[in-house]
Protein backbone atom coordinates (compact mmCIF):
# COMPACT_ATOMS: atom_id res chain seq x y z
CA UNK A 1 4.87 114.73 188.18
CA UNK A 2 6.30 114.26 184.70
CA UNK A 3 5.37 111.85 181.94
CA UNK A 4 8.07 109.61 180.52
CA UNK A 5 8.86 106.43 178.64
CA UNK A 6 9.92 103.55 180.87
CA UNK A 7 11.42 100.20 179.85
CA UNK A 8 11.01 97.37 182.37
CA UNK A 9 12.47 94.62 180.17
CA UNK A 10 14.47 94.80 176.94
CA UNK A 11 12.80 93.81 173.70
CA UNK A 12 10.80 95.23 170.81
CA UNK A 13 9.24 98.69 170.59
CA UNK A 14 6.26 97.48 172.62
CA UNK A 15 8.36 97.35 175.81
CA UNK A 16 8.32 101.17 175.98
CA UNK A 17 5.57 102.21 178.39
CA UNK A 18 4.10 105.71 178.89
CA UNK A 19 4.15 106.39 182.63
CA UNK A 20 4.32 109.17 185.22
CA UNK A 21 6.90 109.77 187.93
CA UNK A 22 7.88 112.31 190.56
CA UNK A 23 10.74 114.67 189.71
CA UNK A 24 13.10 115.43 192.58
CA UNK A 25 14.94 118.68 193.18
CA UNK A 26 18.28 118.94 191.34
CA UNK A 27 21.32 117.91 193.36
CA UNK A 28 24.55 119.85 193.60
CA UNK A 29 26.10 120.39 190.15
CA UNK A 30 22.86 119.38 188.42
CA UNK A 31 20.30 121.32 186.43
CA UNK A 32 16.63 120.58 185.95
CA UNK A 33 15.67 120.86 182.28
CA UNK A 34 12.13 121.04 180.92
CA UNK A 35 12.35 119.40 177.51
CA UNK A 36 10.86 121.02 174.44
CA UNK A 37 12.20 118.51 171.87
CA UNK A 38 13.86 115.10 172.17
CA UNK A 39 16.19 113.57 169.60
CA UNK A 40 15.71 110.03 168.28
CA UNK A 41 18.86 108.02 167.53
CA UNK A 42 19.67 104.43 166.62
CA UNK A 43 21.61 104.07 169.85
CA UNK A 44 18.22 104.29 171.59
CA UNK A 45 17.27 101.07 169.79
CA UNK A 46 20.49 99.40 170.97
CA UNK A 47 19.64 100.16 174.60
CA UNK A 48 15.98 99.17 174.19
CA UNK A 49 16.87 95.79 172.71
CA UNK A 50 19.75 95.10 175.08
CA UNK A 51 22.51 95.25 172.46
CA UNK A 52 23.94 97.91 174.75
CA UNK A 53 23.32 97.23 178.44
CA UNK A 54 21.48 99.93 180.37
CA UNK A 55 22.88 100.62 183.85
CA UNK A 56 19.75 99.15 185.41
CA UNK A 57 16.16 98.07 184.82
CA UNK A 58 13.74 99.74 184.63
CA UNK A 59 15.17 102.70 182.73
CA UNK A 60 14.14 105.63 180.59
CA UNK A 61 15.93 105.68 177.22
CA UNK A 62 17.29 108.63 175.30
CA UNK A 63 20.53 110.60 175.19
CA UNK A 64 19.63 113.82 173.37
CA UNK A 65 17.24 116.69 173.94
CA UNK A 66 16.77 120.45 173.98
CA UNK A 67 14.86 122.51 176.46
CA UNK A 68 14.94 125.21 179.12
CA UNK A 69 16.69 125.22 182.48
CA UNK A 70 14.07 125.41 185.23
CA UNK A 71 16.29 125.03 188.29
CA UNK A 72 20.02 124.92 189.02
CA UNK A 73 21.55 122.98 191.90
CA UNK A 74 24.24 124.19 194.25
CA UNK A 75 27.56 124.82 192.59
CA UNK A 76 26.18 125.49 189.11
CA UNK A 77 27.51 128.86 188.01
CA UNK A 78 27.33 128.98 184.22
CA UNK A 79 23.69 127.96 183.71
CA UNK A 80 20.61 129.63 185.15
CA UNK A 81 16.82 129.29 184.93
CA UNK A 82 15.54 130.40 181.53
CA UNK A 83 18.65 129.38 179.58
CA UNK A 84 17.97 127.45 176.39
CA UNK A 85 20.13 124.34 176.49
CA UNK A 86 20.76 121.03 174.74
CA UNK A 87 22.71 117.86 175.40
CA UNK A 88 23.72 114.55 173.84
CA UNK A 89 25.28 112.51 176.58
CA UNK A 90 24.79 109.88 179.26
CA UNK A 91 23.14 109.34 181.64
CA UNK A 92 20.16 107.78 179.86
CA UNK A 93 16.79 109.39 180.44
CA UNK A 94 15.92 111.88 177.69
CA UNK A 95 12.53 110.32 176.84
CA UNK A 96 10.70 112.43 179.40
CA UNK A 97 9.07 115.81 179.82
CA UNK A 98 11.67 117.04 182.33
CA UNK A 99 14.70 115.67 184.16
CA UNK A 100 17.74 116.44 186.28
CA UNK A 101 21.18 115.87 184.79
CA UNK A 102 24.78 116.94 185.35
CA UNK A 103 25.30 120.56 184.39
CA UNK A 104 28.68 119.64 182.89
CA UNK A 105 26.93 117.68 180.13
CA UNK A 106 24.67 120.55 179.05
CA UNK A 107 25.52 123.37 176.63
CA UNK A 108 23.72 126.60 175.84
CA UNK A 109 22.02 126.69 172.44
CA UNK A 110 23.56 129.26 170.12
CA UNK A 111 21.46 132.18 168.89
CA UNK A 112 19.95 131.39 165.53
CA UNK A 113 19.34 127.72 166.39
CA UNK A 114 15.75 126.73 167.24
CA UNK A 115 15.01 123.96 169.73
CA UNK A 116 14.01 121.36 167.13
CA UNK A 117 17.22 121.88 165.24
CA UNK A 118 19.26 121.74 168.45
CA UNK A 119 17.67 118.42 169.43
CA UNK A 120 18.35 117.07 165.95
CA UNK A 121 22.02 118.06 165.71
CA UNK A 122 23.63 117.56 169.09
CA UNK A 123 24.26 113.83 168.86
CA UNK A 124 24.29 113.45 165.08
CA UNK A 125 26.13 116.71 164.44
CA UNK A 126 28.84 116.09 167.01
CA UNK A 127 29.15 112.53 165.70
CA UNK A 128 29.74 113.89 162.19
CA UNK A 129 32.27 116.32 163.65
CA UNK A 130 34.40 113.75 165.47
CA UNK A 131 34.21 111.35 162.51
CA UNK A 132 35.47 113.90 159.99
CA UNK A 133 37.83 115.90 162.20
CA UNK A 134 39.18 113.38 164.72
CA UNK A 135 38.57 109.65 164.09
CA UNK A 136 40.01 110.24 160.62
CA UNK A 137 40.73 113.83 159.67
CA UNK A 138 39.56 114.25 156.09
CA UNK A 139 41.47 116.50 153.71
CA UNK A 140 40.32 118.55 150.74
CA UNK A 141 40.71 116.60 147.52
CA UNK A 142 40.14 113.17 149.07
CA UNK A 143 37.38 110.77 148.04
CA UNK A 144 35.70 108.92 150.91
CA UNK A 145 32.98 106.27 151.35
CA UNK A 146 30.10 106.93 153.74
CA UNK A 147 27.51 104.21 154.34
CA UNK A 148 23.88 105.07 155.17
CA UNK A 149 24.34 108.45 153.53
CA UNK A 150 20.66 109.36 153.82
CA UNK A 151 20.48 108.68 157.55
CA UNK A 152 20.58 111.27 160.30
CA UNK A 153 24.36 111.28 160.68
CA UNK A 154 24.91 110.65 156.98
CA UNK A 155 23.04 113.71 155.71
CA UNK A 156 24.99 115.95 158.07
CA UNK A 157 28.40 114.33 157.57
CA UNK A 158 28.14 114.25 153.77
CA UNK A 159 27.23 117.95 153.64
CA UNK A 160 30.08 118.78 155.98
CA UNK A 161 32.59 116.71 154.03
CA UNK A 162 31.61 118.44 150.78
CA UNK A 163 32.02 121.80 152.55
CA UNK A 164 35.55 120.70 153.47
CA UNK A 165 36.38 119.98 149.83
CA UNK A 166 35.95 116.20 149.99
CA UNK A 167 34.31 114.03 147.30
CA UNK A 168 31.77 111.73 148.98
CA UNK A 169 30.63 108.33 147.75
CA UNK A 170 27.47 107.46 149.66
CA UNK A 171 25.54 104.20 149.90
CA UNK A 172 21.76 104.06 150.30
CA UNK A 173 18.94 101.53 150.02
CA UNK A 174 16.42 103.18 147.71
CA UNK A 175 15.97 105.71 144.92
CA UNK A 176 14.28 108.13 147.32
CA UNK A 177 17.27 107.97 149.64
CA UNK A 178 19.65 108.30 146.68
CA UNK A 179 18.03 111.62 145.76
CA UNK A 180 18.42 112.84 149.35
CA UNK A 181 22.06 111.84 149.44
CA UNK A 182 22.80 113.65 146.18
CA UNK A 183 21.10 116.78 147.50
CA UNK A 184 23.14 116.65 150.69
CA UNK A 185 26.74 116.36 149.61
CA UNK A 186 27.25 113.06 147.81
CA UNK A 187 28.98 113.32 144.45
CA UNK A 188 28.37 109.60 143.83
CA UNK A 189 25.52 107.49 145.22
CA UNK A 190 25.40 103.69 145.25
CA UNK A 191 22.13 101.81 145.84
CA UNK A 192 23.44 98.70 147.54
CA UNK A 193 20.25 96.81 146.63
CA UNK A 194 21.06 97.25 142.95
CA UNK A 195 24.84 97.50 142.76
CA UNK A 196 27.92 95.95 144.32
CA UNK A 197 29.39 98.86 146.25
CA UNK A 198 32.92 97.39 146.22
CA UNK A 199 32.90 97.24 142.42
CA UNK A 200 31.42 100.73 142.12
CA UNK A 201 33.98 102.25 144.49
CA UNK A 202 36.74 100.68 142.42
CA UNK A 203 35.21 102.16 139.25
CA UNK A 204 34.77 105.61 140.75
CA UNK A 205 38.33 105.72 142.12
CA UNK A 206 39.96 104.03 139.07
CA UNK A 207 40.96 101.13 141.28
CA UNK A 208 42.76 103.28 143.85
CA UNK A 209 40.23 102.83 146.66
CA UNK A 210 39.43 105.36 149.37
CA UNK A 211 41.49 106.46 152.39
CA UNK A 212 38.57 106.04 154.80
CA UNK A 213 35.23 104.26 155.10
CA UNK A 214 32.67 105.47 157.64
CA UNK A 215 30.30 102.63 158.51
CA UNK A 216 27.35 102.61 160.90
CA UNK A 217 25.69 99.59 159.25
CA UNK A 218 27.91 96.89 160.71
CA UNK A 219 27.57 93.23 159.80
CA UNK A 220 26.21 93.70 156.26
CA UNK A 221 28.90 96.14 155.12
CA UNK A 222 31.95 95.68 157.33
CA UNK A 223 34.03 93.07 155.48
CA UNK A 224 33.28 94.31 151.95
CA UNK A 225 34.20 97.81 153.08
CA UNK A 226 37.74 96.67 153.85
CA UNK A 227 38.09 95.92 150.12
CA UNK A 228 37.28 99.55 149.32
CA UNK A 229 40.28 100.92 151.23
CA UNK A 230 43.65 102.02 149.96
CA UNK A 231 46.80 100.60 151.49
CA UNK A 232 46.98 101.92 155.07
CA UNK A 233 43.39 103.11 154.80
CA UNK A 234 41.17 103.58 157.85
CA UNK A 235 37.94 101.75 158.64
CA UNK A 236 35.77 103.76 161.03
CA UNK A 237 33.05 101.43 162.32
CA UNK A 238 30.73 103.56 164.43
CA UNK A 239 27.47 101.60 164.48
CA UNK A 240 25.77 98.30 163.73
CA UNK A 241 22.24 98.85 162.45
CA UNK A 242 22.38 95.55 160.51
CA UNK A 243 23.81 93.62 163.46
CA UNK A 244 27.09 93.15 165.28
CA UNK A 245 30.25 92.66 163.25
CA UNK A 246 31.45 89.05 163.48
CA UNK A 247 34.65 88.33 165.44
CA UNK A 248 37.64 89.29 163.36
CA UNK A 249 41.09 87.78 162.83
CA UNK A 250 43.15 90.97 162.88
CA UNK A 251 45.51 89.44 160.36
CA UNK A 252 42.96 90.38 157.70
CA UNK A 253 43.91 94.03 158.26
CA UNK A 254 47.46 93.23 157.24
CA UNK A 255 46.42 91.04 154.33
CA UNK A 256 44.26 93.80 152.89
CA UNK A 257 46.93 96.50 153.08
CA UNK A 258 48.06 97.30 156.63
CA UNK A 259 44.66 98.82 157.37
CA UNK A 260 43.69 100.81 160.46
CA UNK A 261 40.46 100.01 162.31
CA UNK A 262 38.70 102.07 164.96
CA UNK A 263 35.39 101.49 166.73
CA UNK A 264 34.64 104.89 168.30
CA UNK A 265 31.65 106.45 169.99
CA UNK A 266 30.72 110.09 170.48
CA UNK A 267 30.98 109.85 174.24
CA UNK A 268 34.71 109.11 174.07
CA UNK A 269 35.10 112.31 172.05
CA UNK A 270 33.06 114.55 174.36
CA UNK A 271 33.93 113.20 177.81
CA UNK A 272 35.89 116.35 178.61
CA UNK A 273 33.68 119.45 178.96
CA UNK A 274 36.06 121.64 176.99
CA UNK A 275 35.94 119.16 174.11
CA UNK A 276 32.14 118.96 174.38
CA UNK A 277 31.83 122.75 174.13
CA UNK A 278 34.30 122.83 171.23
CA UNK A 279 32.44 120.22 169.19
CA UNK A 280 28.96 121.59 169.93
CA UNK A 281 30.18 125.09 169.10
CA UNK A 282 31.53 124.01 165.71
CA UNK A 283 28.26 122.23 164.93
CA UNK A 284 26.21 125.30 165.85
CA UNK A 285 28.53 127.53 163.82
CA UNK A 286 28.23 125.29 160.76
CA UNK A 287 24.43 125.43 160.94
CA UNK A 288 24.23 129.17 161.54
CA UNK A 289 26.65 129.83 158.66
CA UNK A 290 24.55 127.76 156.28
CA UNK A 291 27.25 125.13 155.70
CA UNK A 292 24.84 122.54 157.12
CA UNK A 293 21.13 122.27 156.35
CA UNK A 294 19.31 120.12 158.89
CA UNK A 295 16.47 117.94 157.62
CA UNK A 296 13.94 117.01 160.31
CA UNK A 297 11.82 114.66 158.25
CA UNK A 298 9.79 112.89 160.96
CA UNK A 299 8.11 114.12 164.13
CA UNK A 300 6.24 112.01 166.70
CA UNK A 301 4.66 112.68 170.09
CA UNK A 302 6.89 111.28 172.83
CA UNK A 303 4.01 109.04 173.89
CA UNK A 304 4.27 107.36 170.45
CA UNK A 305 7.97 106.60 170.72
CA UNK A 306 7.26 102.95 169.91
CA UNK A 307 6.00 103.92 166.45
CA UNK A 308 9.09 106.07 165.93
CA UNK A 309 11.33 103.11 166.79
CA UNK A 310 9.40 100.83 164.43
CA UNK A 311 9.91 103.27 161.56
CA UNK A 312 13.58 103.80 162.40
CA UNK A 313 14.31 100.08 162.53
CA UNK A 314 12.25 99.52 159.39
CA UNK A 315 14.44 101.99 157.48
CA UNK A 316 11.39 104.16 156.82
CA UNK A 317 13.02 107.33 158.12
CA UNK A 318 15.43 109.76 156.53
CA UNK A 319 17.43 112.59 158.04
CA UNK A 320 16.59 113.47 161.63
CA UNK A 321 13.60 112.46 163.74
CA UNK A 322 12.40 114.23 166.86
CA UNK A 323 9.93 113.46 169.63
CA UNK A 324 7.71 116.14 171.13
CA UNK A 325 6.91 115.87 174.86
């Protein structure tokens, strides 16, 4: 038997129930992982509320965790019992003490990375990696705009961008978060509750605008962000914490300067195992080298996942949050 969080109907944090279930033997090409740490991400909220549809009800949420391989199914050759591993990938089900999942979605944790750090960087770290290196490949000397700079992805991405020689303008919602953003790579910080970020970006860039905006906020920031872009700039909309972006007449992209728009997700950038290993490896290397400092600022027992979700949705968290099974 293992303990887990189960959702029988979508809704608020209260729909997450602490239950027990039998754990079957791993099938061919699967591994059984005993979790030591579970990562909390805003995508978990999307699935809990029904913004993103889970494959079925009931379901166990969660896409990221670290732990130890306990058993390997037939056909698994590169993972064995005792290996320290981590993942950030479908299928859903990370909010549990142990589970079976496809071996192809699991990577070994690099030496020098502890389990808490691994669980905090797989999804957010690989997201930062594909944003900066693939969705729009930043170049040294550029100035970029990154919304929610004090969030889990933001703190990692802004550090990484600075390491790559990029000047980062970050937006935040409080003085406390502004201090965090400055300490983690942002050369300029805009408190959107006090300042108009479009006007401030224009001031900072002498009216030139930025080549790329990274936006996980969604409805509240999407349209104004288009006004921050240079001609042929790129809008990378990778989340919607403030709500879904309203339907868009694509003519606005032409009117505002032949802009590019992409709505990516990590799982389209790690679907291939070789690409998964490449991205995870670069994240681990950046942490081990000291280029990235990972801030795990909140920790909750897995059984109190509802409280963690309340704090995440209430914008009371900064950096990374983990759940302990």
